[in-house]
Amino acid sequence: LMDKALSELDPERDVTVSTFREGDEKGT
Protein backbone atom coordinates (compact mmCIF):
# COMPACT_ATOMS: atom_id res chain seq x y z
CA LEU A 1 0.00 0.00 0.00
CA MET A 2 2.80 2.45 0.87
CA ASP A 3 4.63 1.77 -2.39
CA LYS A 4 1.50 2.43 -4.44
CA ALA A 5 0.47 5.56 -2.53
CA LEU A 6 3.94 7.09 -2.70
CA SER A 7 4.02 6.44 -6.45
CA GLU A 8 0.72 8.32 -6.78
CA LEU A 9 1.80 11.36 -4.77
CA ASP A 10 3.85 14.25 -6.19
CA PRO A 11 7.53 13.27 -5.85
CA GLU A 12 8.44 16.94 -5.36
CA ARG A 13 6.28 17.36 -2.25
CA ASP A 14 6.82 16.16 1.30
CA VAL A 15 4.35 13.51 2.47
CA THR A 16 2.80 13.56 5.94
CA VAL A 17 0.96 11.04 8.06
CA SER A 18 -0.47 11.27 11.56
CA THR A 19 0.12 8.22 13.73
CA PHE A 20 0.35 7.23 17.36
CA ARG A 21 2.96 8.67 19.67
CA GLU A 22 6.06 6.86 20.82
CA GLY A 23 5.27 4.54 23.72
CA ASP A 24 1.68 3.92 22.58
CA GLU A 25 1.42 0.18 21.85
CA LYS A 26 -0.98 0.93 18.97
CA GLY A 27 1.83 2.84 17.30
CA THR A 28 4.65 0.32 17.37
PDB file of all heavy atoms in Angstrom:
ATOM      1  N   LEU A   1       0.829  -1.203   0.000  1.00  0.00           N
ATOM      2  CA  LEU A   1       0.000   0.000   0.000  1.00  0.00           C
ATOM      3  C   LEU A   1       0.870   1.262   0.000  1.00  0.00           C
ATOM      4  O   LEU A   1       0.599   2.210  -0.750  1.00  0.00           O
ATOM      5  CB  LEU A   1      -0.942  -0.003   1.199  1.00  0.00           C
ATOM      6  CG  LEU A   1      -2.032  -1.072   1.173  1.00  0.00           C
ATOM      7  CD1 LEU A   1      -2.658  -1.249   2.552  1.00  0.00           C
ATOM      8  CD2 LEU A   1      -3.101  -0.727   0.137  1.00  0.00           C
ATOM      9  N   MET A   2       1.911   1.282   0.818  1.00  0.00           N
ATOM     10  CA  MET A   2       2.800   2.446   0.870  1.00  0.00           C
ATOM     11  C   MET A   2       3.469   2.672  -0.477  1.00  0.00           C
ATOM     12  O   MET A   2       3.524   3.817  -0.955  1.00  0.00           O
ATOM     13  CB  MET A   2       3.865   2.256   1.957  1.00  0.00           C
ATOM     14  CG  MET A   2       3.361   2.425   3.366  1.00  0.00           C
ATOM     15  SD  MET A   2       2.813   4.094   3.765  1.00  0.00           S
ATOM     16  CE  MET A   2       4.344   5.000   3.625  1.00  0.00           C
ATOM     17  N   ASP A   3       3.969   1.622  -1.091  1.00  0.00           N
ATOM     18  CA  ASP A   3       4.634   1.767  -2.392  1.00  0.00           C
ATOM     19  C   ASP A   3       3.693   2.393  -3.413  1.00  0.00           C
ATOM     20  O   ASP A   3       4.075   3.314  -4.146  1.00  0.00           O
ATOM     21  CB  ASP A   3       5.133   0.414  -2.906  1.00  0.00           C
ATOM     22  CG  ASP A   3       6.292  -0.153  -2.095  1.00  0.00           C
ATOM     23  OD1 ASP A   3       6.941   0.600  -1.333  1.00  0.00           O
ATOM     24  OD2 ASP A   3       6.530  -1.370  -2.214  1.00  0.00           O
ATOM     25  N   LYS A   4       2.467   1.913  -3.469  1.00  0.00           N
ATOM     26  CA  LYS A   4       1.499   2.426  -4.442  1.00  0.00           C
ATOM     27  C   LYS A   4       1.142   3.876  -4.137  1.00  0.00           C
ATOM     28  O   LYS A   4       1.128   4.724  -5.032  1.00  0.00           O
ATOM     29  CB  LYS A   4       0.243   1.545  -4.452  1.00  0.00           C
ATOM     30  CG  LYS A   4      -0.835   2.032  -5.393  1.00  0.00           C
ATOM     31  CD  LYS A   4      -0.399   1.974  -6.838  1.00  0.00           C
ATOM     32  CE  LYS A   4      -1.561   2.294  -7.770  1.00  0.00           C
ATOM     33  NZ  LYS A   4      -1.110   2.490  -9.143  1.00  0.00           N
ATOM     34  N   ALA A   5       0.847   4.183  -2.886  1.00  0.00           N
ATOM     35  CA  ALA A   5       0.468   5.556  -2.533  1.00  0.00           C
ATOM     36  C   ALA A   5       1.602   6.528  -2.835  1.00  0.00           C
ATOM     37  O   ALA A   5       1.370   7.592  -3.423  1.00  0.00           O
ATOM     38  CB  ALA A   5       0.069   5.636  -1.062  1.00  0.00           C
ATOM     39  N   LEU A   6       2.819   6.180  -2.458  1.00  0.00           N
ATOM     40  CA  LEU A   6       3.942   7.086  -2.700  1.00  0.00           C
ATOM     41  C   LEU A   6       4.176   7.293  -4.193  1.00  0.00           C
ATOM     42  O   LEU A   6       4.571   8.377  -4.618  1.00  0.00           O
ATOM     43  CB  LEU A   6       5.204   6.582  -1.997  1.00  0.00           C
ATOM     44  CG  LEU A   6       5.148   6.626  -0.467  1.00  0.00           C
ATOM     45  CD1 LEU A   6       6.393   5.992   0.142  1.00  0.00           C
ATOM     46  CD2 LEU A   6       4.955   8.055   0.041  1.00  0.00           C
ATOM     47  N   SER A   7       3.876   6.277  -5.003  1.00  0.00           N
ATOM     48  CA  SER A   7       4.021   6.436  -6.454  1.00  0.00           C
ATOM     49  C   SER A   7       2.930   7.337  -7.031  1.00  0.00           C
ATOM     50  O   SER A   7       3.097   7.898  -8.112  1.00  0.00           O
ATOM     51  CB  SER A   7       4.009   5.071  -7.153  1.00  0.00           C
ATOM     52  OG  SER A   7       2.696   4.549  -7.236  1.00  0.00           O
ATOM     53  N   GLU A   8       1.828   7.487  -6.327  1.00  0.00           N
ATOM     54  CA  GLU A   8       0.717   8.319  -6.784  1.00  0.00           C
ATOM     55  C   GLU A   8       0.839   9.774  -6.324  1.00  0.00           C
ATOM     56  O   GLU A   8       0.184  10.650  -6.871  1.00  0.00           O
ATOM     57  CB  GLU A   8      -0.616   7.749  -6.269  1.00  0.00           C
ATOM     58  CG  GLU A   8      -1.008   6.437  -6.902  1.00  0.00           C
ATOM     59  CD  GLU A   8      -1.416   6.583  -8.362  1.00  0.00           C
ATOM     60  OE1 GLU A   8      -2.035   7.603  -8.720  1.00  0.00           O
ATOM     61  OE2 GLU A   8      -1.103   5.671  -9.148  1.00  0.00           O
ATOM     62  N   LEU A   9       1.649  10.007  -5.309  1.00  0.00           N
ATOM     63  CA  LEU A   9       1.801  11.363  -4.770  1.00  0.00           C
ATOM     64  C   LEU A   9       2.947  12.085  -5.475  1.00  0.00           C
ATOM     65  O   LEU A   9       3.898  11.460  -5.952  1.00  0.00           O
ATOM     66  CB  LEU A   9       2.039  11.299  -3.260  1.00  0.00           C
ATOM     67  CG  LEU A   9       0.861  10.754  -2.449  1.00  0.00           C
ATOM     68  CD1 LEU A   9       1.267  10.515  -1.003  1.00  0.00           C
ATOM     69  CD2 LEU A   9      -0.324  11.699  -2.528  1.00  0.00           C
ATOM     70  N   ASP A  10       2.854  13.411  -5.525  1.00  0.00           N
ATOM     71  CA  ASP A  10       3.846  14.253  -6.189  1.00  0.00           C
ATOM     72  C   ASP A  10       5.231  14.022  -5.578  1.00  0.00           C
ATOM     73  O   ASP A  10       5.426  14.264  -4.385  1.00  0.00           O
ATOM     74  CB  ASP A  10       3.428  15.721  -6.028  1.00  0.00           C
ATOM     75  CG  ASP A  10       4.331  16.701  -6.751  1.00  0.00           C
ATOM     76  OD1 ASP A  10       5.467  16.339  -7.129  1.00  0.00           O
ATOM     77  OD2 ASP A  10       3.894  17.847  -6.925  1.00  0.00           O
ATOM     78  N   PRO A  11       6.197  13.566  -6.384  1.00  0.00           N
ATOM     79  CA  PRO A  11       7.527  13.267  -5.853  1.00  0.00           C
ATOM     80  C   PRO A  11       8.296  14.511  -5.412  1.00  0.00           C
ATOM     81  O   PRO A  11       9.335  14.393  -4.760  1.00  0.00           O
ATOM     82  CB  PRO A  11       8.238  12.563  -7.012  1.00  0.00           C
ATOM     83  CG  PRO A  11       7.524  13.024  -8.235  1.00  0.00           C
ATOM     84  CD  PRO A  11       6.100  13.270  -7.818  1.00  0.00           C
ATOM     85  N   GLU A  12       7.792  15.687  -5.744  1.00  0.00           N
ATOM     86  CA  GLU A  12       8.445  16.938  -5.357  1.00  0.00           C
ATOM     87  C   GLU A  12       7.926  17.491  -4.031  1.00  0.00           C
ATOM     88  O   GLU A  12       8.450  18.482  -3.528  1.00  0.00           O
ATOM     89  CB  GLU A  12       8.251  17.992  -6.453  1.00  0.00           C
ATOM     90  CG  GLU A  12       8.840  17.590  -7.796  1.00  0.00           C
ATOM     91  CD  GLU A  12      10.345  17.378  -7.734  1.00  0.00           C
ATOM     92  OE1 GLU A  12      11.043  18.227  -7.133  1.00  0.00           O
ATOM     93  OE2 GLU A  12      10.817  16.351  -8.260  1.00  0.00           O
ATOM     94  N   ARG A  13       6.877  16.863  -3.492  1.00  0.00           N
ATOM     95  CA  ARG A  13       6.279  17.359  -2.253  1.00  0.00           C
ATOM     96  C   ARG A  13       6.517  16.397  -1.102  1.00  0.00           C
ATOM     97  O   ARG A  13       6.483  15.182  -1.276  1.00  0.00           O
ATOM     98  CB  ARG A  13       4.772  17.541  -2.433  1.00  0.00           C
ATOM     99  CG  ARG A  13       4.417  18.659  -3.404  1.00  0.00           C
ATOM    100  CD  ARG A  13       2.921  18.793  -3.558  1.00  0.00           C
ATOM    101  NE  ARG A  13       2.284  19.186  -2.301  1.00  0.00           N
ATOM    102  CZ  ARG A  13       0.979  19.066  -2.085  1.00  0.00           C
ATOM    103  NH1 ARG A  13       0.176  18.555  -3.003  1.00  0.00           N
ATOM    104  NH2 ARG A  13       0.467  19.440  -0.934  1.00  0.00           N
ATOM    105  N   ASP A  14       6.732  16.968   0.088  1.00  0.00           N
ATOM    106  CA  ASP A  14       6.820  16.162   1.296  1.00  0.00           C
ATOM    107  C   ASP A  14       5.488  15.445   1.512  1.00  0.00           C
ATOM    108  O   ASP A  14       4.435  15.940   1.112  1.00  0.00           O
ATOM    109  CB  ASP A  14       7.125  17.025   2.517  1.00  0.00           C
ATOM    110  CG  ASP A  14       8.521  17.633   2.482  1.00  0.00           C
ATOM    111  OD1 ASP A  14       9.330  17.233   1.622  1.00  0.00           O
ATOM    112  OD2 ASP A  14       8.791  18.520   3.320  1.00  0.00           O
ATOM    113  N   VAL A  15       5.549  14.294   2.153  1.00  0.00           N
ATOM    114  CA  VAL A  15       4.353  13.512   2.474  1.00  0.00           C
ATOM    115  C   VAL A  15       4.232  13.446   3.993  1.00  0.00           C
ATOM    116  O   VAL A  15       5.223  13.211   4.688  1.00  0.00           O
ATOM    117  CB  VAL A  15       4.450  12.081   1.894  1.00  0.00           C
ATOM    118  CG1 VAL A  15       3.209  11.269   2.244  1.00  0.00           C
ATOM    119  CG2 VAL A  15       4.674  12.119   0.391  1.00  0.00           C
ATOM    120  N   THR A  16       3.018  13.640   4.502  1.00  0.00           N
ATOM    121  CA  THR A  16       2.803  13.560   5.945  1.00  0.00           C
ATOM    122  C   THR A  16       1.815  12.451   6.284  1.00  0.00           C
ATOM    123  O   THR A  16       1.023  12.015   5.447  1.00  0.00           O
ATOM    124  CB  THR A  16       2.274  14.890   6.525  1.00  0.00           C
ATOM    125  OG1 THR A  16       1.029  15.198   5.920  1.00  0.00           O
ATOM    126  CG2 THR A  16       3.266  16.018   6.318  1.00  0.00           C
ATOM    127  N   VAL A  17       1.898  12.009   7.508  1.00  0.00           N
ATOM    128  CA  VAL A  17       0.958  11.042   8.056  1.00  0.00           C
ATOM    129  C   VAL A  17       0.886  11.297   9.561  1.00  0.00           C
ATOM    130  O   VAL A  17       1.886  11.648  10.179  1.00  0.00           O
ATOM    131  CB  VAL A  17       1.382   9.581   7.754  1.00  0.00           C
ATOM    132  CG1 VAL A  17       2.709   9.229   8.393  1.00  0.00           C
ATOM    133  CG2 VAL A  17       0.301   8.598   8.180  1.00  0.00           C
ATOM    134  N   SER A  18      -0.293  11.147  10.121  1.00  0.00           N
ATOM    135  CA  SER A  18      -0.465  11.269  11.557  1.00  0.00           C
ATOM    136  C   SER A  18      -0.624   9.865  12.120  1.00  0.00           C
ATOM    137  O   SER A  18      -1.433   9.082  11.626  1.00  0.00           O
ATOM    138  CB  SER A  18      -1.706  12.119  11.864  1.00  0.00           C
ATOM    139  OG  SER A  18      -1.862  12.250  13.259  1.00  0.00           O
ATOM    140  N   THR A  19       0.175   9.555  13.133  1.00  0.00           N
ATOM    141  CA  THR A  19       0.117   8.225  13.734  1.00  0.00           C
ATOM    142  C   THR A  19       0.237   8.355  15.249  1.00  0.00           C
ATOM    143  O   THR A  19       0.277   9.456  15.796  1.00  0.00           O
ATOM    144  CB  THR A  19       1.199   7.303  13.126  1.00  0.00           C
ATOM    145  OG1 THR A  19       0.933   5.957  13.524  1.00  0.00           O
ATOM    146  CG2 THR A  19       2.603   7.706  13.537  1.00  0.00           C
ATOM    147  N   PHE A  20       0.294   7.245  15.910  1.00  0.00           N
ATOM    148  CA  PHE A  20       0.347   7.227  17.362  1.00  0.00           C
ATOM    149  C   PHE A  20       1.709   7.688  17.869  1.00  0.00           C
ATOM    150  O   PHE A  20       2.719   7.548  17.183  1.00  0.00           O
ATOM    151  CB  PHE A  20       0.032   5.822  17.873  1.00  0.00           C
ATOM    152  CG  PHE A  20      -1.295   5.313  17.380  1.00  0.00           C
ATOM    153  CD1 PHE A  20      -1.374   4.402  16.352  1.00  0.00           C
ATOM    154  CD2 PHE A  20      -2.475   5.788  17.940  1.00  0.00           C
ATOM    155  CE1 PHE A  20      -2.601   3.950  15.886  1.00  0.00           C
ATOM    156  CE2 PHE A  20      -3.709   5.342  17.486  1.00  0.00           C
ATOM    157  CZ  PHE A  20      -3.766   4.425  16.457  1.00  0.00           C
ATOM    158  N   ARG A  21       1.714   8.181  19.075  1.00  0.00           N
ATOM    159  CA  ARG A  21       2.962   8.672  19.674  1.00  0.00           C
ATOM    160  C   ARG A  21       3.839   7.520  20.151  1.00  0.00           C
ATOM    161  O   ARG A  21       3.367   6.403  20.385  1.00  0.00           O
ATOM    162  CB  ARG A  21       2.651   9.591  20.854  1.00  0.00           C
ATOM    163  CG  ARG A  21       1.979  10.874  20.419  1.00  0.00           C
ATOM    164  CD  ARG A  21       1.782  11.812  21.572  1.00  0.00           C
ATOM    165  NE  ARG A  21       1.021  12.979  21.137  1.00  0.00           N
ATOM    166  CZ  ARG A  21       0.685  13.964  21.950  1.00  0.00           C
ATOM    167  NH1 ARG A  21       1.047  13.926  23.232  1.00  0.00           N
ATOM    168  NH2 ARG A  21      -0.008  14.991  21.495  1.00  0.00           N
ATOM    169  N   GLU A  22       5.111   7.840  20.299  1.00  0.00           N
ATOM    170  CA  GLU A  22       6.063   6.859  20.822  1.00  0.00           C
ATOM    171  C   GLU A  22       5.590   6.402  22.197  1.00  0.00           C
ATOM    172  O   GLU A  22       5.101   7.196  23.003  1.00  0.00           O
ATOM    173  CB  GLU A  22       7.462   7.493  20.936  1.00  0.00           C
ATOM    174  CG  GLU A  22       8.523   6.499  21.296  1.00  0.00           C
ATOM    175  CD  GLU A  22       9.924   7.080  21.191  1.00  0.00           C
ATOM    176  OE1 GLU A  22      10.068   8.280  20.928  1.00  0.00           O
ATOM    177  OE2 GLU A  22      10.861   6.303  21.372  1.00  0.00           O
ATOM    178  N   GLY A  23       5.706   5.091  22.446  1.00  0.00           N
ATOM    179  CA  GLY A  23       5.274   4.541  23.719  1.00  0.00           C
ATOM    180  C   GLY A  23       3.836   4.035  23.711  1.00  0.00           C
ATOM    181  O   GLY A  23       3.443   3.305  24.614  1.00  0.00           O
ATOM    182  N   ASP A  24       3.063   4.413  22.711  1.00  0.00           N
ATOM    183  CA  ASP A  24       1.684   3.917  22.578  1.00  0.00           C
ATOM    184  C   ASP A  24       1.764   2.581  21.845  1.00  0.00           C
ATOM    185  O   ASP A  24       2.254   2.515  20.713  1.00  0.00           O
ATOM    186  CB  ASP A  24       0.851   4.923  21.774  1.00  0.00           C
ATOM    187  CG  ASP A  24      -0.625   4.566  21.698  1.00  0.00           C
ATOM    188  OD1 ASP A  24      -0.956   3.357  21.734  1.00  0.00           O
ATOM    189  OD2 ASP A  24      -1.445   5.488  21.573  1.00  0.00           O
ATOM    190  N   GLU A  25       1.289   1.509  22.470  1.00  0.00           N
ATOM    191  CA  GLU A  25       1.420   0.181  21.853  1.00  0.00           C
ATOM    192  C   GLU A  25       0.721   0.095  20.492  1.00  0.00           C
ATOM    193  O   GLU A  25       1.129  -0.684  19.637  1.00  0.00           O
ATOM    194  CB  GLU A  25       0.909  -0.917  22.784  1.00  0.00           C
ATOM    195  CG  GLU A  25      -0.573  -0.893  23.021  1.00  0.00           C
ATOM    196  CD  GLU A  25      -1.045  -2.004  23.942  1.00  0.00           C
ATOM    197  OE1 GLU A  25      -0.266  -2.437  24.811  1.00  0.00           O
ATOM    198  OE2 GLU A  25      -2.192  -2.434  23.787  1.00  0.00           O
ATOM    199  N   LYS A  26      -0.312   0.913  20.272  1.00  0.00           N
ATOM    200  CA  LYS A  26      -0.975   0.926  18.972  1.00  0.00           C
ATOM    201  C   LYS A  26      -0.051   1.451  17.877  1.00  0.00           C
ATOM    202  O   LYS A  26      -0.275   1.199  16.700  1.00  0.00           O
ATOM    203  CB  LYS A  26      -2.229   1.809  19.001  1.00  0.00           C
ATOM    204  CG  LYS A  26      -3.348   1.290  19.851  1.00  0.00           C
ATOM    205  CD  LYS A  26      -4.530   2.253  19.778  1.00  0.00           C
ATOM    206  CE  LYS A  26      -5.671   1.798  20.652  1.00  0.00           C
ATOM    207  NZ  LYS A  26      -6.828   2.666  20.510  1.00  0.00           N
ATOM    208  N   GLY A  27       0.966   2.190  18.280  1.00  0.00           N
ATOM    209  CA  GLY A  27       1.826   2.844  17.304  1.00  0.00           C
ATOM    210  C   GLY A  27       3.102   2.109  16.948  1.00  0.00           C
ATOM    211  O   GLY A  27       3.827   2.536  16.045  1.00  0.00           O
ATOM    212  N   THR A  28       3.382   1.010  17.611  1.00  0.00           N
ATOM    213  CA  THR A  28       4.654   0.325  17.374  1.00  0.00           C
ATOM    214  C   THR A  28       4.829  -0.064  15.912  1.00  0.00           C
ATOM    215  O   THR A  28       5.822   0.302  15.275  1.00  0.00           O
ATOM    216  CB  THR A  28       4.775  -0.919  18.280  1.00  0.00           C
ATOM    217  OG1 THR A  28       4.620  -0.502  19.645  1.00  0.00           O
ATOM    218  CG2 THR A  28       6.119  -1.594  18.108  1.00  0.00           C
TER     219      THR A  28
END
